[in-house]
């Protein structure tokens, strides 16, 4: 009897070792578990500037006005003018090269697709990811319409959101113009960089430095 029990325990231990070894080969350091395709989809919500990753859906500014008024206007104002210290969403044209630039989705934001990404991912404040796919398209369409970028009846969707021409689309410089970034060789300077420095202005000149 003792021999059979010993044999049974040995068999169980062997099978457990085989299972653990097989499972461990699928994950490093014996941490966590392999994510299922469904779990991956729950996190894989990013939308690229060219629109890749935008979920299937659509919306226009006409329908978006009601959704915006319900979940966005309390912070950003009925017409995107901003409430209290919440950011403005409309206006700011031709201000980016001034001493007081107004960065809005109309004057500054380069891609409509990343507007979708941010709103769907993080808005409304305190209730992130509570919007449906179509509600997000509707809100983005309404904001674009308030900035005179699309017509109110334009149907914004996953098929065209990466093609919207934003006013400041070409305002972001590529390649990186900073002198310490060598984009052509692919080897940016990380230490002991010999970079010429030229002072082109002082804070006191534009009255942002206290006198005392």
Protein backbone atom coordinates (compact mmCIF):
# COMPACT_ATOMS: atom_id res chain seq x y z
CA UNK A 1 0.00 0.00 0.00
CA UNK A 2 2.80 2.39 0.92
CA UNK A 3 4.55 1.63 -2.38
CA UNK A 4 1.40 2.45 -4.40
CA UNK A 5 0.95 5.72 -2.52
CA UNK A 6 4.57 6.64 -3.12
CA UNK A 7 4.20 5.82 -6.82
CA UNK A 8 1.02 7.94 -7.05
CA UNK A 9 2.67 10.93 -5.39
CA UNK A 10 5.70 10.64 -7.66
CA UNK A 11 3.49 10.53 -10.75
CA UNK A 12 1.52 13.60 -9.66
CA UNK A 13 4.73 15.52 -8.93
CA UNK A 14 6.13 14.58 -12.34
CA UNK A 15 2.99 15.76 -14.13
CA UNK A 16 3.00 19.02 -12.19
CA UNK A 17 6.62 19.63 -13.10
CA UNK A 18 5.88 19.01 -16.77
CA UNK A 19 2.92 21.40 -16.69
CA UNK A 20 4.83 24.11 -14.83
CA UNK A 21 7.80 23.74 -17.16
CA UNK A 22 5.59 24.01 -20.25
CA UNK A 23 3.68 26.98 -18.87
CA UNK A 24 6.87 28.72 -17.71
CA UNK A 25 8.31 28.45 -21.21
CA UNK A 26 5.49 30.73 -22.36
CA UNK A 27 6.20 33.49 -19.81
CA UNK A 28 9.46 34.80 -18.45
CA UNK A 29 10.30 34.98 -14.77
CA UNK A 30 7.20 32.92 -13.81
CA UNK A 31 5.17 36.14 -13.54
CA UNK A 32 1.57 36.68 -14.62
CA UNK A 33 -0.13 34.73 -17.35
CA UNK A 34 -0.41 34.85 -21.10
CA UNK A 35 -3.11 37.38 -22.06
CA UNK A 36 -6.02 36.05 -24.06
CA UNK A 37 -6.94 37.73 -27.37
CA UNK A 38 -9.99 39.24 -25.65
CA UNK A 39 -7.84 40.71 -22.88
CA UNK A 40 -5.42 42.18 -25.42
CA UNK A 41 -8.30 43.86 -27.28
CA UNK A 42 -9.35 45.54 -24.06
CA UNK A 43 -6.01 47.35 -23.89
CA UNK A 44 -5.32 47.75 -27.60
CA UNK A 45 -7.29 50.97 -28.13
CA UNK A 46 -4.61 53.28 -29.56
CA UNK A 47 -5.32 55.12 -32.79
CA UNK A 48 -2.37 56.24 -34.91
CA UNK A 49 -2.08 59.61 -36.68
CA UNK A 50 -2.84 57.93 -40.01
CA UNK A 51 -6.06 56.48 -38.56
CA UNK A 52 -4.81 52.93 -38.15
CA UNK A 53 -6.50 51.37 -35.13
CA UNK A 54 -9.62 53.52 -35.29
CA UNK A 55 -12.57 51.30 -34.31
CA UNK A 56 -15.42 50.76 -36.72
CA UNK A 57 -18.00 53.48 -36.15
CA UNK A 58 -19.16 56.91 -37.26
CA UNK A 59 -20.77 60.16 -36.19
CA UNK A 60 -21.49 63.73 -37.28
CA UNK A 61 -21.53 67.12 -35.59
CA UNK A 62 -25.32 67.34 -35.58
CA UNK A 63 -25.60 64.32 -33.30
CA UNK A 64 -22.40 65.24 -31.52
CA UNK A 65 -23.77 68.55 -30.24
CA UNK A 66 -26.12 66.83 -27.80
CA UNK A 67 -23.46 64.42 -26.53
CA UNK A 68 -20.96 67.26 -26.17
CA UNK A 69 -23.44 69.37 -24.22
CA UNK A 70 -24.09 66.48 -21.85
CA UNK A 71 -20.57 65.30 -21.07
CA UNK A 72 -18.12 68.00 -22.25
CA UNK A 73 -19.67 71.47 -21.96
CA UNK A 74 -19.49 71.55 -18.16
CA UNK A 75 -15.71 71.94 -18.40
CA UNK A 76 -15.04 73.16 -21.93
CA UNK A 77 -18.05 75.45 -22.39
CA UNK A 78 -21.00 75.21 -24.76
CA UNK A 79 -18.91 76.48 -27.66
CA UNK A 80 -15.48 75.20 -26.63
CA UNK A 81 -14.56 78.49 -24.98
CA UNK A 82 -13.35 76.81 -21.77
CA UNK A 83 -14.79 77.14 -18.28
CA UNK A 84 -12.76 78.44 -15.34
CA UNK A 85 -9.30 76.91 -15.84
CA UNK A 86 -10.40 74.09 -18.14
CA UNK A 87 -8.79 74.29 -21.59
CA UNK A 88 -10.35 75.98 -24.59
CA UNK A 89 -11.10 73.83 -27.60
CA UNK A 90 -11.89 76.51 -30.18
CA UNK A 91 -10.01 79.54 -31.47
CA UNK A 92 -6.35 80.46 -31.30
CA UNK A 93 -5.80 80.79 -35.04
CA UNK A 94 -2.52 82.55 -35.91
CA UNK A 95 -1.41 82.75 -32.25
CA UNK A 96 1.18 79.96 -32.11
CA UNK A 97 4.07 82.23 -33.10
CA UNK A 98 3.14 84.95 -30.58
CA UNK A 99 4.16 85.43 -26.96
CA UNK A 100 0.71 84.27 -25.85
CA UNK A 101 -0.17 81.24 -28.00
CA UNK A 102 -3.61 79.69 -27.60
CA UNK A 103 -3.31 75.98 -28.22
CA UNK A 104 -6.68 74.45 -29.09
CA UNK A 105 -7.77 71.47 -31.10
CA UNK A 106 -8.30 73.86 -34.00
CA UNK A 107 -5.10 75.91 -33.83
CA UNK A 108 -2.60 73.37 -32.53
CA UNK A 109 -3.70 69.72 -32.64
CA UNK A 110 -2.16 68.02 -35.71
CA UNK A 111 -4.37 64.94 -36.21
CA UNK A 112 -8.10 64.31 -35.84
CA UNK A 113 -7.35 60.63 -35.28
CA UNK A 114 -5.33 61.30 -32.13
CA UNK A 115 -8.15 63.56 -30.90
CA UNK A 116 -10.31 60.45 -31.06
CA UNK A 117 -7.63 58.42 -29.26
CA UNK A 118 -7.37 60.91 -26.39
CA UNK A 119 -11.09 61.52 -25.94
CA UNK A 120 -12.00 57.84 -26.06
CA UNK A 121 -9.13 56.94 -23.73
CA UNK A 122 -9.33 59.70 -21.12
CA UNK A 123 -12.54 61.72 -21.33
CA UNK A 124 -14.81 62.82 -19.74
CA UNK A 125 -12.59 63.75 -16.81
CA UNK A 126 -13.22 61.30 -13.99
CA UNK A 127 -15.26 58.98 -16.22
CA UNK A 128 -12.67 57.85 -18.74
CA UNK A 129 -13.66 55.17 -21.28
CA UNK A 130 -17.34 55.62 -20.54
CA UNK A 131 -18.09 56.85 -24.08
CA UNK A 132 -19.12 54.48 -26.83
CA UNK A 133 -17.24 54.37 -30.13
CA UNK A 134 -19.97 56.28 -32.00
CA UNK A 135 -20.35 58.87 -29.22
CA UNK A 136 -16.64 59.58 -29.49
CA UNK A 137 -16.86 60.04 -33.25
CA UNK A 138 -19.79 62.40 -32.71
CA UNK A 139 -17.89 64.50 -30.15
CA UNK A 140 -14.79 64.71 -32.36
CA UNK A 141 -16.98 65.70 -35.31
CA UNK A 142 -18.66 68.44 -33.26
CA UNK A 143 -15.31 69.86 -32.09
CA UNK A 144 -13.97 69.80 -35.65
CA UNK A 145 -17.11 71.55 -36.86
CA UNK A 146 -16.80 74.26 -34.19
CA UNK A 147 -13.31 74.90 -35.55
CA UNK A 148 -14.66 75.11 -39.13
CA UNK A 149 -12.67 72.05 -40.20
CA UNK A 150 -15.62 69.90 -41.34
CA UNK A 151 -19.27 70.57 -42.13
CA UNK A 152 -21.93 69.70 -39.56
CA UNK A 153 -23.36 66.90 -41.72
CA UNK A 154 -19.95 65.39 -42.55
CA UNK A 155 -19.92 61.74 -41.42
CA UNK A 156 -16.68 61.14 -39.54
CA UNK A 157 -15.69 57.47 -39.39
CA UNK A 158 -12.84 55.03 -39.07
CA UNK A 159 -12.46 55.19 -42.85
CA UNK A 160 -11.69 58.91 -43.05
CA UNK A 161 -10.55 60.14 -39.63
CA UNK A 162 -6.89 59.71 -40.61
CA UNK A 163 -7.40 61.87 -43.71
CA UNK A 164 -8.80 65.01 -42.06
CA UNK A 165 -6.58 68.00 -42.87
CA UNK A 166 -5.98 69.81 -39.59
CA UNK A 167 -4.84 73.48 -39.74
CA UNK A 168 -1.58 72.78 -37.89
CA UNK A 169 -0.84 69.41 -39.45
CA UNK A 170 2.45 70.70 -40.89
CA UNK A 171 3.41 72.70 -37.80
CA UNK A 172 5.29 69.85 -36.16
CA UNK A 173 8.85 69.62 -37.41
CA UNK A 174 10.25 66.34 -38.65
CA UNK A 175 13.04 65.46 -38.48
CA UNK A 176 13.66 66.75 -34.96
CA UNK A 177 15.40 70.14 -35.36
CA UNK A 178 17.19 70.10 -32.01
CA UNK A 179 20.95 70.25 -32.57
CA UNK A 180 21.73 67.43 -30.12
CA UNK A 181 19.58 64.94 -32.03
CA UNK A 182 21.41 63.27 -34.90
CA UNK A 183 18.42 61.75 -36.68
CA UNK A 184 20.27 60.83 -39.82
CA UNK A 185 22.83 58.51 -38.26
CA UNK A 186 20.36 57.11 -35.77
CA UNK A 187 22.77 57.70 -32.88
CA UNK A 188 21.63 60.64 -30.74
CA UNK A 189 24.25 62.17 -28.48
CA UNK A 190 23.71 61.02 -24.88
CA UNK A 191 26.76 62.38 -23.03
CA UNK A 192 29.60 64.92 -23.45
CA UNK A 193 27.77 66.42 -26.42
CA UNK A 194 29.58 69.26 -28.16
CA UNK A 195 26.58 71.35 -29.14
CA UNK A 196 26.84 75.10 -29.87
CA UNK A 197 24.54 77.18 -27.66
CA UNK A 198 23.25 80.62 -28.65
CA UNK A 199 21.14 82.73 -26.29
CA UNK A 200 18.43 84.32 -28.41
CA UNK A 201 16.40 85.99 -25.66
CA UNK A 202 15.97 86.49 -21.95
CA UNK A 203 12.89 86.03 -19.80
CA UNK A 204 13.15 89.62 -18.51
CA UNK A 205 12.73 90.90 -22.09
CA UNK A 206 9.17 89.60 -22.26
CA UNK A 207 8.23 90.57 -18.69
CA UNK A 208 7.92 87.09 -17.21
CA UNK A 209 10.75 87.51 -14.68
CA UNK A 210 9.85 89.25 -11.36
CA UNK A 211 11.84 92.42 -10.69
CA UNK A 212 12.48 91.48 -7.03
